[in-house]
PDB file of N, CA and C in Angstrom:
ATOM      1  N   VAL A   1     -34.170 -19.504  81.933  1.00  0.00           N
ATOM      2  CA  VAL A   1     -35.170 -18.458  81.879  1.00  0.00           C
ATOM      3  C   VAL A   1     -35.518 -18.010  83.301  1.00  0.00           C
ATOM      4  N   GLN A   2     -35.753 -16.723  83.452  1.00  0.00           N
ATOM      5  CA  GLN A   2     -36.188 -16.186  84.746  1.00  0.00           C
ATOM      6  C   GLN A   2     -37.609 -15.651  84.625  1.00  0.00           C
ATOM      7  N   LEU A   3     -38.428 -16.030  85.598  1.00  0.00           N
ATOM      8  CA  LEU A   3     -39.797 -15.566  85.614  1.00  0.00           C
ATOM      9  C   LEU A   3     -39.984 -14.589  86.767  1.00  0.00           C
ATOM     10  N   GLN A   4     -40.694 -13.515  86.495  1.00  0.00           N
ATOM     11  CA  GLN A   4     -40.953 -12.495  87.502  1.00  0.00           C
ATOM     12  C   GLN A   4     -42.461 -12.327  87.643  1.00  0.00           C
ATOM     13  N   ALA A   5     -42.980 -12.741  88.799  1.00  0.00           N
ATOM     14  CA  ALA A   5     -44.409 -12.594  89.064  1.00  0.00           C
ATOM     15  C   ALA A   5     -44.652 -11.310  89.843  1.00  0.00           C
ATOM     16  N   SER A   6     -45.732 -10.635  89.525  1.00  0.00           N
ATOM     17  CA  SER A   6     -46.053  -9.382  90.213  1.00  0.00           C
ATOM     18  C   SER A   6     -47.561  -9.172  90.232  1.00  0.00           C
ATOM     19  N   GLY A   7     -47.989  -8.233  91.060  1.00  0.00           N
ATOM     20  CA  GLY A   7     -49.394  -7.840  91.069  1.00  0.00           C
ATOM     21  C   GLY A   7     -50.180  -8.254  92.285  1.00  0.00           C
ATOM     22  N   GLY A   8     -49.566  -9.002  93.170  1.00  0.00           N
ATOM     23  CA  GLY A   8     -50.291  -9.426  94.361  1.00  0.00           C
ATOM     24  C   GLY A   8     -50.575  -8.264  95.294  1.00  0.00           C
ATOM     25  N   GLY A   9     -51.393  -8.542  96.312  1.00  0.00           N
ATOM     26  CA  GLY A   9     -51.705  -7.510  97.271  1.00  0.00           C
ATOM     27  C   GLY A   9     -52.877  -7.899  98.133  1.00  0.00           C
ATOM     28  N   LEU A  10     -53.428  -6.907  98.816  1.00  0.00           N
ATOM     29  CA  LEU A  10     -54.586  -7.096  99.687  1.00  0.00           C
ATOM     30  C   LEU A  10     -55.815  -6.550  98.970  1.00  0.00           C
ATOM     31  N   VAL A  11     -56.855  -7.362  98.914  1.00  0.00           N
ATOM     32  CA  VAL A  11     -58.084  -6.955  98.242  1.00  0.00           C
ATOM     33  C   VAL A  11     -59.274  -7.448  99.048  1.00  0.00           C
ATOM     34  N   GLN A  12     -60.354  -6.719  98.991  1.00  0.00           N
ATOM     35  CA  GLN A  12     -61.554  -7.123  99.712  1.00  0.00           C
ATOM     36  C   GLN A  12     -62.301  -8.210  98.955  1.00  0.00           C
ATOM     37  N   PRO A  13     -63.064  -9.023  99.658  1.00  0.00           N
ATOM     38  CA  PRO A  13     -63.891 -10.026  98.977  1.00  0.00           C
ATOM     39  C   PRO A  13     -64.773  -9.377  97.920  1.00  0.00           C
ATOM     40  N   GLY A  14     -64.841 -10.034  96.773  1.00  0.00           N
ATOM     41  CA  GLY A  14     -65.587  -9.487  95.650  1.00  0.00           C
ATOM     42  C   GLY A  14     -64.773  -8.603  94.747  1.00  0.00           C
ATOM     43  N   GLY A  15     -63.572  -8.288  95.163  1.00  0.00           N
ATOM     44  CA  GLY A  15     -62.716  -7.416  94.374  1.00  0.00           C
ATOM     45  C   GLY A  15     -61.985  -8.143  93.266  1.00  0.00           C
ATOM     46  N   SER A  16     -61.155  -7.387  92.572  1.00  0.00           N
ATOM     47  CA  SER A  16     -60.405  -7.920  91.435  1.00  0.00           C
ATOM     48  C   SER A  16     -58.929  -7.572  91.558  1.00  0.00           C
ATOM     49  N   LEU A  17     -58.132  -8.379  90.911  1.00  0.00           N
ATOM     50  CA  LEU A  17     -56.691  -8.141  90.889  1.00  0.00           C
ATOM     51  C   LEU A  17     -56.128  -8.838  89.664  1.00  0.00           C
ATOM     52  N   ARG A  18     -55.038  -8.299  89.168  1.00  0.00           N
ATOM     53  CA  ARG A  18     -54.385  -8.905  88.009  1.00  0.00           C
ATOM     54  C   ARG A  18     -52.943  -9.242  88.346  1.00  0.00           C
ATOM     55  N   LEU A  19     -52.578 -10.474  88.105  1.00  0.00           N
ATOM     56  CA  LEU A  19     -51.200 -10.916  88.279  1.00  0.00           C
ATOM     57  C   LEU A  19     -50.523 -11.005  86.919  1.00  0.00           C
ATOM     58  N   SER A  20     -49.260 -10.659  86.901  1.00  0.00           N
ATOM     59  CA  SER A  20     -48.484 -10.758  85.674  1.00  0.00           C
ATOM     60  C   SER A  20     -47.245 -11.609  85.893  1.00  0.00           C
ATOM     61  N   CYS A  21     -46.891 -12.333  84.860  1.00  0.00           N
ATOM     62  CA  CYS A  21     -45.675 -13.141  84.869  1.00  0.00           C
ATOM     63  C   CYS A  21     -44.868 -12.755  83.649  1.00  0.00           C
ATOM     64  N   ALA A  22     -43.710 -12.180  83.888  1.00  0.00           N
ATOM     65  CA  ALA A  22     -42.846 -11.740  82.798  1.00  0.00           C
ATOM     66  C   ALA A  22     -41.640 -12.654  82.713  1.00  0.00           C
ATOM     67  N   ALA A  23     -41.241 -12.957  81.501  1.00  0.00           N
ATOM     68  CA  ALA A  23     -40.115 -13.855  81.284  1.00  0.00           C
ATOM     69  C   ALA A  23     -38.937 -13.110  80.693  1.00  0.00           C
ATOM     70  N   SER A  24     -37.780 -13.475  81.145  1.00  0.00           N
ATOM     71  CA  SER A  24     -36.562 -12.964  80.532  1.00  0.00           C
ATOM     72  C   SER A  24     -35.687 -14.154  80.164  1.00  0.00           C
ATOM     73  N   GLY A  25     -34.996 -14.029  79.093  1.00  0.00           N
ATOM     74  CA  GLY A  25     -34.103 -15.104  78.690  1.00  0.00           C
ATOM     75  C   GLY A  25     -34.782 -16.189  77.885  1.00  0.00           C
ATOM     76  N   ALA A  26     -36.034 -15.982  77.522  1.00  0.00           N
ATOM     77  CA  ALA A  26     -36.742 -16.984  76.728  1.00  0.00           C
ATOM     78  C   ALA A  26     -37.891 -16.315  75.986  1.00  0.00           C
ATOM     79  N   ILE A  27     -38.349 -16.992  74.971  1.00  0.00           N
ATOM     80  CA  ILE A  27     -39.497 -16.495  74.233  1.00  0.00           C
ATOM     81  C   ILE A  27     -40.732 -17.180  74.783  1.00  0.00           C
ATOM     82  N   PHE A  28     -41.566 -16.421  75.461  1.00  0.00           N
ATOM     83  CA  PHE A  28     -42.715 -16.980  76.144  1.00  0.00           C
ATOM     84  C   PHE A  28     -43.739 -17.570  75.192  1.00  0.00           C
ATOM     85  N   SER A  29     -43.762 -17.076  73.974  1.00  0.00           N
ATOM     86  CA  SER A  29     -44.819 -17.482  73.055  1.00  0.00           C
ATOM     87  C   SER A  29     -44.747 -18.968  72.732  1.00  0.00           C
ATOM     88  N   ILE A  30     -43.568 -19.577  72.936  1.00  0.00           N
ATOM     89  CA  ILE A  30     -43.457 -20.994  72.619  1.00  0.00           C
ATOM     90  C   ILE A  30     -43.655 -21.847  73.855  1.00  0.00           C
ATOM     91  N   ASN A  31     -44.001 -21.200  74.961  1.00  0.00           N
ATOM     92  CA  ASN A  31     -44.105 -21.904  76.229  1.00  0.00           C
ATOM     93  C   ASN A  31     -45.535 -22.085  76.684  1.00  0.00           C
ATOM     94  N   GLY A  32     -45.802 -23.240  77.267  1.00  0.00           N
ATOM     95  CA  GLY A  32     -46.970 -23.378  78.095  1.00  0.00           C
ATOM     96  C   GLY A  32     -46.638 -22.810  79.463  1.00  0.00           C
ATOM     97  N   VAL A  33     -47.577 -22.086  80.043  1.00  0.00           N
ATOM     98  CA  VAL A  33     -47.350 -21.431  81.327  1.00  0.00           C
ATOM     99  C   VAL A  33     -48.519 -21.708  82.250  1.00  0.00           C
ATOM    100  N   GLY A  34     -48.214 -21.928  83.498  1.00  0.00           N
ATOM    101  CA  GLY A  34     -49.253 -22.149  84.492  1.00  0.00           C
ATOM    102  C   GLY A  34     -49.134 -21.188  85.654  1.00  0.00           C
ATOM    103  N   TRP A  35     -50.261 -20.880  86.248  1.00  0.00           N
ATOM    104  CA  TRP A  35     -50.312 -20.170  87.530  1.00  0.00           C
ATOM    105  C   TRP A  35     -50.708 -21.172  88.602  1.00  0.00           C
ATOM    106  N   TYR A  36     -49.924 -21.248  89.635  1.00  0.00           N
ATOM    107  CA  TYR A  36     -50.179 -22.129  90.761  1.00  0.00           C
ATOM    108  C   TYR A  36     -50.337 -21.273  92.012  1.00  0.00           C
ATOM    109  N   ARG A  37     -50.914 -21.877  93.042  1.00  0.00           N
ATOM    110  CA  ARG A  37     -50.995 -21.162  94.313  1.00  0.00           C
ATOM    111  C   ARG A  37     -50.781 -22.145  95.459  1.00  0.00           C
ATOM    112  N   GLN A  38     -50.324 -21.585  96.547  1.00  0.00           N
ATOM    113  CA  GLN A  38     -50.104 -22.400  97.736  1.00  0.00           C
ATOM    114  C   GLN A  38     -50.505 -21.586  98.952  1.00  0.00           C
ATOM    115  N   ALA A  39     -51.487 -22.099  99.667  1.00  0.00           N
ATOM    116  CA  ALA A  39     -51.918 -21.493 100.922  1.00  0.00           C
ATOM    117  C   ALA A  39     -51.200 -22.195 102.071  1.00  0.00           C
ATOM    118  N   PRO A  40     -51.052 -21.544 103.209  1.00  0.00           N
ATOM    119  CA  PRO A  40     -50.369 -22.162 104.347  1.00  0.00           C
ATOM    120  C   PRO A  40     -50.988 -23.504 104.711  1.00  0.00           C
ATOM    121  N   GLY A  41     -50.136 -24.516 104.829  1.00  0.00           N
ATOM    122  CA  GLY A  41     -50.596 -25.845 105.195  1.00  0.00           C
ATOM    123  C   GLY A  41     -51.162 -26.658 104.054  1.00  0.00           C
ATOM    124  N   ASN A  42     -51.224 -26.057 102.865  1.00  0.00           N
ATOM    125  CA  ASN A  42     -51.783 -26.769 101.712  1.00  0.00           C
ATOM    126  C   ASN A  42     -50.705 -27.071 100.686  1.00  0.00           C
ATOM    127  N   LYS A  43     -51.022 -28.008  99.823  1.00  0.00           N
ATOM    128  CA  LYS A  43     -50.113 -28.300  98.716  1.00  0.00           C
ATOM    129  C   LYS A  43     -50.281 -27.240  97.629  1.00  0.00           C
ATOM    130  N   ARG A  44     -49.250 -27.089  96.835  1.00  0.00           N
ATOM    131  CA  ARG A  44     -49.337 -26.181  95.701  1.00  0.00           C
ATOM    132  C   ARG A  44     -50.302 -26.783  94.675  1.00  0.00           C
ATOM    133  N   GLU A  45     -51.197 -25.951  94.156  1.00  0.00           N
ATOM    134  CA  GLU A  45     -52.182 -26.442  93.208  1.00  0.00           C
ATOM    135  C   GLU A  45     -52.202 -25.570  91.957  1.00  0.00           C
ATOM    136  N   LEU A  46     -52.547 -26.224  90.852  1.00  0.00           N
ATOM    137  CA  LEU A  46     -52.659 -25.510  89.592  1.00  0.00           C
ATOM    138  C   LEU A  46     -53.959 -24.712  89.578  1.00  0.00           C
ATOM    139  N   VAL A  47     -53.844 -23.437  89.287  1.00  0.00           N
ATOM    140  CA  VAL A  47     -55.010 -22.561  89.211  1.00  0.00           C
ATOM    141  C   VAL A  47     -55.468 -22.408  87.762  1.00  0.00           C
ATOM    142  N   ALA A  48     -54.535 -22.145  86.875  1.00  0.00           N
ATOM    143  CA  ALA A  48     -54.862 -21.940  85.466  1.00  0.00           C
ATOM    144  C   ALA A  48     -53.611 -22.170  84.640  1.00  0.00           C
ATOM    145  N   ALA A  49     -53.821 -22.614  83.415  1.00  0.00           N
ATOM    146  CA  ALA A  49     -52.694 -22.837  82.516  1.00  0.00           C
ATOM    147  C   ALA A  49     -53.091 -22.457  81.103  1.00  0.00           C
ATOM    148  N   ILE A  50     -52.098 -22.072  80.344  1.00  0.00           N
ATOM    149  CA  ILE A  50     -52.325 -21.708  78.949  1.00  0.00           C
ATOM    150  C   ILE A  50     -51.217 -22.324  78.111  1.00  0.00           C
ATOM    151  N   THR A  51     -51.618 -22.912  76.985  1.00  0.00           N
ATOM    152  CA  THR A  51     -50.639 -23.526  76.102  1.00  0.00           C
ATOM    153  C   THR A  51     -50.068 -22.484  75.144  1.00  0.00           C
ATOM    154  N   SER A  52     -49.061 -22.897  74.401  1.00  0.00           N
ATOM    155  CA  SER A  52     -48.486 -21.990  73.412  1.00  0.00           C
ATOM    156  C   SER A  52     -49.522 -21.610  72.360  1.00  0.00           C
ATOM    157  N   GLY A  53     -50.493 -22.486  72.140  1.00  0.00           N
ATOM    158  CA  GLY A  53     -51.539 -22.209  71.169  1.00  0.00           C
ATOM    159  C   GLY A  53     -52.718 -21.443  71.723  1.00  0.00           C
ATOM    160  N   GLY A  54     -52.680 -21.153  73.022  1.00  0.00           N
ATOM    161  CA  GLY A  54     -53.740 -20.360  73.620  1.00  0.00           C
ATOM    162  C   GLY A  54     -54.852 -21.152  74.276  1.00  0.00           C
ATOM    163  N   ASN A  55     -54.741 -22.470  74.288  1.00  0.00           N
ATOM    164  CA  ASN A  55     -55.738 -23.270  75.000  1.00  0.00           C
ATOM    165  C   ASN A  55     -55.546 -23.105  76.503  1.00  0.00           C
ATOM    166  N   THR A  56     -56.657 -23.091  77.217  1.00  0.00           N
ATOM    167  CA  THR A  56     -56.596 -22.829  78.653  1.00  0.00           C
ATOM    168  C   THR A  56     -57.321 -23.910  79.446  1.00  0.00           C
ATOM    169  N   ASN A  57     -56.930 -24.045  80.692  1.00  0.00           N
ATOM    170  CA  ASN A  57     -57.702 -24.871  81.612  1.00  0.00           C
ATOM    171  C   ASN A  57     -57.610 -24.249  83.001  1.00  0.00           C
ATOM    172  N   TYR A  58     -58.618 -24.515  83.810  1.00  0.00           N
ATOM    173  CA  TYR A  58     -58.755 -23.856  85.105  1.00  0.00           C
ATOM    174  C   TYR A  58     -59.134 -24.833  86.203  1.00  0.00           C
ATOM    175  N   LEU A  59     -58.712 -24.494  87.386  1.00  0.00           N
ATOM    176  CA  LEU A  59     -59.188 -25.164  88.579  1.00  0.00           C
ATOM    177  C   LEU A  59     -60.696 -24.919  88.676  1.00  0.00           C
ATOM    178  N   ASP A  60     -61.448 -25.931  89.039  1.00  0.00           N
ATOM    179  CA  ASP A  60     -62.910 -25.785  89.043  1.00  0.00           C
ATOM    180  C   ASP A  60     -63.379 -24.603  89.881  1.00  0.00           C
ATOM    181  N   SER A  61     -62.739 -24.382  91.003  1.00  0.00           N
ATOM    182  CA  SER A  61     -63.205 -23.348  91.923  1.00  0.00           C
ATOM    183  C   SER A  61     -62.970 -21.923  91.410  1.00  0.00           C
ATOM    184  N   VAL A  62     -62.187 -21.774  90.343  1.00  0.00           N
ATOM    185  CA  VAL A  62     -61.941 -20.427  89.813  1.00  0.00           C
ATOM    186  C   VAL A  62     -62.577 -20.209  88.445  1.00  0.00           C
ATOM    187  N   LYS A  63     -63.175 -21.250  87.899  1.00  0.00           N
ATOM    188  CA  LYS A  63     -63.800 -21.109  86.583  1.00  0.00           C
ATOM    189  C   LYS A  63     -64.882 -20.033  86.624  1.00  0.00           C
ATOM    190  N   GLY A  64     -64.857 -19.191  85.605  1.00  0.00           N
ATOM    191  CA  GLY A  64     -65.818 -18.100  85.538  1.00  0.00           C
ATOM    192  C   GLY A  64     -65.378 -16.859  86.302  1.00  0.00           C
ATOM    193  N   ARG A  65     -64.341 -16.987  87.107  1.00  0.00           N
ATOM    194  CA  ARG A  65     -63.850 -15.839  87.883  1.00  0.00           C
ATOM    195  C   ARG A  65     -62.448 -15.405  87.437  1.00  0.00           C
ATOM    196  N   PHE A  66     -61.627 -16.375  87.071  1.00  0.00           N
ATOM    197  CA  PHE A  66     -60.254 -16.093  86.681  1.00  0.00           C
ATOM    198  C   PHE A  66     -60.095 -16.298  85.181  1.00  0.00           C
ATOM    199  N   THR A  67     -59.227 -15.497  84.597  1.00  0.00           N
ATOM    200  CA  THR A  67     -58.915 -15.624  83.178  1.00  0.00           C
ATOM    201  C   THR A  67     -57.414 -15.520  82.978  1.00  0.00           C
ATOM    202  N   ILE A  68     -56.853 -16.534  82.324  1.00  0.00           N
ATOM    203  CA  ILE A  68     -55.428 -16.501  82.005  1.00  0.00           C
ATOM    204  C   ILE A  68     -55.287 -16.103  80.540  1.00  0.00           C
ATOM    205  N   SER A  69     -54.315 -15.272  80.267  1.00  0.00           N
ATOM    206  CA  SER A  69     -54.097 -14.829  78.899  1.00  0.00           C
ATOM    207  C   SER A  69     -52.614 -14.549  78.700  1.00  0.00           C
ATOM    208  N   ARG A  70     -52.232 -14.405  77.455  1.00  0.00           N
ATOM    209  CA  ARG A  70     -50.827 -14.151  77.182  1.00  0.00           C
ATOM    210  C   ARG A  70     -50.688 -13.023  76.187  1.00  0.00           C
ATOM    211  N   ASP A  71     -49.624 -12.258  76.345  1.00  0.00           N
ATOM    212  CA  ASP A  71     -49.262 -11.195  75.410  1.00  0.00           C
ATOM    213  C   ASP A  71     -47.868 -11.531  74.906  1.00  0.00           C
ATOM    214  N   ASN A  72     -47.813 -12.158  73.758  1.00  0.00           N
ATOM    215  CA  ASN A  72     -46.524 -12.610  73.257  1.00  0.00           C
ATOM    216  C   ASN A  72     -45.599 -11.446  72.921  1.00  0.00           C
ATOM    217  N   ALA A  73     -46.173 -10.325  72.516  1.00  0.00           N
ATOM    218  CA  ALA A  73     -45.339  -9.175  72.186  1.00  0.00           C
ATOM    219  C   ALA A  73     -44.610  -8.647  73.413  1.00  0.00           C
ATOM    220  N   LYS A  74     -45.264  -8.770  74.576  1.00  0.00           N
ATOM    221  CA  LYS A  74     -44.653  -8.303  75.827  1.00  0.00           C
ATOM    222  C   LYS A  74     -44.013  -9.433  76.613  1.00  0.00           C
ATOM    223  N   ASN A  75     -44.122 -10.645  76.078  1.00  0.00           N
ATOM    224  CA  ASN A  75     -43.525 -11.801  76.761  1.00  0.00           C
ATOM    225  C   ASN A  75     -44.064 -11.969  78.169  1.00  0.00           C
ATOM    226  N   THR A  76     -45.371 -11.814  78.310  1.00  0.00           N
ATOM    227  CA  THR A  76     -45.987 -11.935  79.619  1.00  0.00           C
ATOM    228  C   THR A  76     -47.224 -12.836  79.563  1.00  0.00           C
ATOM    229  N   VAL A  77     -47.540 -13.394  80.709  1.00  0.00           N
ATOM    230  CA  VAL A  77     -48.786 -14.131  80.902  1.00  0.00           C
ATOM    231  C   VAL A  77     -49.497 -13.504  82.094  1.00  0.00           C
ATOM    232  N   THR A  78     -50.769 -13.247  81.943  1.00  0.00           N
ATOM    233  CA  THR A  78     -51.542 -12.530  82.952  1.00  0.00           C
ATOM    234  C   THR A  78     -52.652 -13.404  83.507  1.00  0.00           C
ATOM    235  N   LEU A  79     -52.904 -13.255  84.788  1.00  0.00           N
ATOM    236  CA  LEU A  79     -54.039 -13.915  85.428  1.00  0.00           C
ATOM    237  C   LEU A  79     -54.950 -12.824  85.975  1.00  0.00           C
ATOM    238  N   GLN A  80     -56.088 -12.656  85.331  1.00  0.00           N
ATOM    239  CA  GLN A  80     -57.085 -11.708  85.797  1.00  0.00           C
ATOM    240  C   GLN A  80     -58.017 -12.423  86.761  1.00  0.00           C
ATOM    241  N   MET A  81     -58.129 -11.884  87.967  1.00  0.00           N
ATOM    242  CA  MET A  81     -58.910 -12.538  89.009  1.00  0.00           C
ATOM    243  C   MET A  81     -60.040 -11.611  89.447  1.00  0.00           C
ATOM    244  N   ASN A  82     -61.249 -12.076  89.278  1.00  0.00           N
ATOM    245  CA  ASN A  82     -62.438 -11.302  89.654  1.00  0.00           C
ATOM    246  C   ASN A  82     -63.227 -12.046  90.723  1.00  0.00           C
ATOM    247  N   SER A  83     -64.129 -11.340  91.357  1.00  0.00           N
ATOM    248  CA  SER A  83     -64.994 -11.933  92.385  1.00  0.00           C
ATOM    249  C   SER A  83     -64.183 -12.730  93.386  1.00  0.00           C
ATOM    250  N   LEU A  84     -63.128 -12.138  93.874  1.00  0.00           N
ATOM    251  CA  LEU A  84     -62.210 -12.838  94.756  1.00  0.00           C
ATOM    252  C   LEU A  84     -62.869 -13.205  96.074  1.00  0.00           C
ATOM    253  N   LYS A  85     -62.432 -14.342  96.602  1.00  0.00           N
ATOM    254  CA  LYS A  85     -62.960 -14.886  97.839  1.00  0.00           C
ATOM    255  C   LYS A  85     -61.816 -15.063  98.833  1.00  0.00           C
ATOM    256  N   PRO A  86     -62.121 -15.085 100.111  1.00  0.00           N
ATOM    257  CA  PRO A  86     -61.060 -15.302 101.109  1.00  0.00           C
ATOM    258  C   PRO A  86     -60.275 -16.589 100.854  1.00  0.00           C
ATOM    259  N   GLU A  87     -60.931 -17.604 100.325  1.00  0.00           N
ATOM    260  CA  GLU A  87     -60.238 -18.873 100.063  1.00  0.00           C
ATOM    261  C   GLU A  87     -59.272 -18.800  98.888  1.00  0.00           C
ATOM    262  N   ASP A  88     -59.253 -17.685  98.172  1.00  0.00           N
ATOM    263  CA  ASP A  88     -58.252 -17.479  97.128  1.00  0.00           C
ATOM    264  C   ASP A  88     -56.925 -16.983  97.707  1.00  0.00           C
ATOM    265  N   THR A  89     -56.918 -16.677  98.983  1.00  0.00           N
ATOM    266  CA  THR A  89     -55.698 -16.196  99.626  1.00  0.00           C
ATOM    267  C   THR A  89     -54.604 -17.251  99.552  1.00  0.00           C
ATOM    268  N   ALA A  90     -53.464 -16.857  99.009  1.00  0.00           N
ATOM    269  CA  ALA A  90     -52.351 -17.788  98.828  1.00  0.00           C
ATOM    270  C   ALA A  90     -51.176 -17.022  98.223  1.00  0.00           C
ATOM    271  N   VAL A  91     -50.064 -17.698  98.152  1.00  0.00           N
ATOM    272  CA  VAL A  91     -48.953 -17.204  97.344  1.00  0.00           C
ATOM    273  C   VAL A  91     -49.129 -17.795  95.947  1.00  0.00           C
ATOM    274  N   TYR A  92     -49.084 -16.932  94.951  1.00  0.00           N
ATOM    275  CA  TYR A  92     -49.283 -17.343  93.569  1.00  0.00           C
ATOM    276  C   TYR A  92     -47.942 -17.371  92.838  1.00  0.00           C
ATOM    277  N   TYR A  93     -47.749 -18.444  92.094  1.00  0.00           N
ATOM    278  CA  TYR A  93     -46.505 -18.645  91.351  1.00  0.00           C
ATOM    279  C   TYR A  93     -46.825 -18.887  89.881  1.00  0.00           C
ATOM    280  N   CYS A  94     -45.981 -18.389  89.018  1.00  0.00           N
ATOM    281  CA  CYS A  94     -46.089 -18.777  87.620  1.00  0.00           C
ATOM    282  C   CYS A  94     -44.989 -19.789  87.305  1.00  0.00           C
ATOM    283  N   TYR A  95     -45.268 -20.589  86.313  1.00  0.00           N
ATOM    284  CA  TYR A  95     -44.383 -21.718  86.002  1.00  0.00           C
ATOM    285  C   TYR A  95     -44.312 -21.917  84.501  1.00  0.00           C
ATOM    286  N   SER A  96     -43.108 -22.096  84.004  1.00  0.00           N
ATOM    287  CA  SER A  96     -42.897 -22.397  82.593  1.00  0.00           C
ATOM    288  C   SER A  96     -42.686 -23.890  82.443  1.00  0.00           C
ATOM    289  N   TYR A  97     -43.575 -24.544  81.707  1.00  0.00           N
ATOM    290  CA  TYR A  97     -43.468 -25.993  81.519  1.00  0.00           C
ATOM    291  C   TYR A  97     -42.262 -26.350  80.656  1.00  0.00           C
ATOM    292  N   SER A  98     -41.982 -25.535  79.677  1.00  0.00           N
ATOM    293  CA  SER A  98     -40.875 -25.860  78.782  1.00  0.00           C
ATOM    294  C   SER A  98     -39.526 -25.769  79.473  1.00  0.00           C
ATOM    295  N   TYR A  99     -39.400 -24.798  80.378  1.00  0.00           N
ATOM    296  CA  TYR A  99     -38.111 -24.573  81.023  1.00  0.00           C
ATOM    297  C   TYR A  99     -38.075 -25.065  82.462  1.00  0.00           C
ATOM    298  N   ASN A 100     -39.196 -25.641  82.918  1.00  0.00           N
ATOM    299  CA  ASN A 100     -39.261 -26.124  84.302  1.00  0.00           C
ATOM    300  C   ASN A 100     -38.760 -25.049  85.261  1.00  0.00           C
ATOM    301  N   SER A 101     -39.306 -23.865  85.121  1.00  0.00           N
ATOM    302  CA  SER A 101     -38.830 -22.724  85.887  1.00  0.00           C
ATOM    303  C   SER A 101     -39.997 -22.050  86.605  1.00  0.00           C
ATOM    304  N   TRP A 102     -39.765 -21.719  87.896  1.00  0.00           N
ATOM    305  CA  TRP A 102     -40.777 -21.063  88.715  1.00  0.00           C
ATOM    306  C   TRP A 102     -40.432 -19.593  88.912  1.00  0.00           C
ATOM    307  N   GLY A 103     -41.472 -18.772  88.972  1.00  0.00           N
ATOM    308  CA  GLY A 103     -41.306 -17.404  89.423  1.00  0.00           C
ATOM    309  C   GLY A 103     -41.192 -17.391  90.946  1.00  0.00           C
ATOM    310  N   GLN A 104     -40.942 -16.237  91.514  1.00  0.00           N
ATOM    311  CA  GLN A 104     -40.637 -16.150  92.930  1.00  0.00           C
ATOM    312  C   GLN A 104     -41.874 -16.131  93.807  1.00  0.00           C
ATOM    313  N   GLY A 105     -43.055 -16.003  93.258  1.00  0.00           N
ATOM    314  CA  GLY A 105     -44.279 -15.984  94.036  1.00  0.00           C
ATOM    315  C   GLY A 105     -44.706 -14.576  94.404  1.00  0.00           C
ATOM    316  N   THR A 106     -46.014 -14.374  94.434  1.00  0.00           N
ATOM    317  CA  THR A 106     -46.563 -13.091  94.842  1.00  0.00           C
ATOM    318  C   THR A 106     -47.787 -13.360  95.716  1.00  0.00           C
ATOM    319  N   GLN A 107     -47.879 -12.646  96.821  1.00  0.00           N
ATOM    320  CA  GLN A 107     -48.903 -12.917  97.828  1.00  0.00           C
ATOM    321  C   GLN A 107     -50.204 -12.221  97.475  1.00  0.00           C
ATOM    322  N   LEU A 108     -51.287 -13.002  97.493  1.00  0.00           N
ATOM    323  CA  LEU A 108     -52.634 -12.445  97.385  1.00  0.00           C
ATOM    324  C   LEU A 108     -53.363 -12.709  98.695  1.00  0.00           C
ATOM    325  N   THR A 109     -53.893 -11.660  99.279  1.00  0.00           N
ATOM    326  CA  THR A 109     -54.696 -11.787 100.481  1.00  0.00           C
ATOM    327  C   THR A 109     -56.063 -11.176 100.216  1.00  0.00           C
ATOM    328  N   VAL A 110     -57.092 -11.980 100.410  1.00  0.00           N
ATOM    329  CA  VAL A 110     -58.458 -11.513 100.228  1.00  0.00           C
ATOM    330  C   VAL A 110     -59.108 -11.450 101.607  1.00  0.00           C
ATOM    331  N   SER A 111     -59.361 -10.246 102.053  1.00  0.00           N
ATOM    332  CA  SER A 111     -59.863 -10.073 103.409  1.00  0.00           C
ATOM    333  C   SER A 111     -60.540  -8.720 103.526  1.00  0.00           C
ATOM    334  N   SER A 112     -61.551  -8.671 104.372  1.00  0.00           N
ATOM    335  CA  SER A 112     -62.212  -7.399 104.645  1.00  0.00           C
ATOM    336  C   SER A 112     -61.597  -6.726 105.869  1.00  0.00           C
TER     337      SER A 112
END
């Protein structure tokens, strides 16, 4: 399976952005999917994950600000990010647990 992450960019603090992860070669609806991020000098960390049944979990620092969701008809998983902070700056990756497959990463920069 190939994952394609998109939607990153430069946004001001307090702004919003939506990341999308599209899958090809697999049916996403049967997959658990996670969004991870890695800032320079830091380890990659799990930001949010969603199971095939729609259960979600979040990194404490993004709870209430980020929402992960899935559109099985479009074979995509989306991360809606609101109230962004400079510390959210990182490269964001999506990951398929079933296929052990990573997307290529998309850069989010939160800066004024």
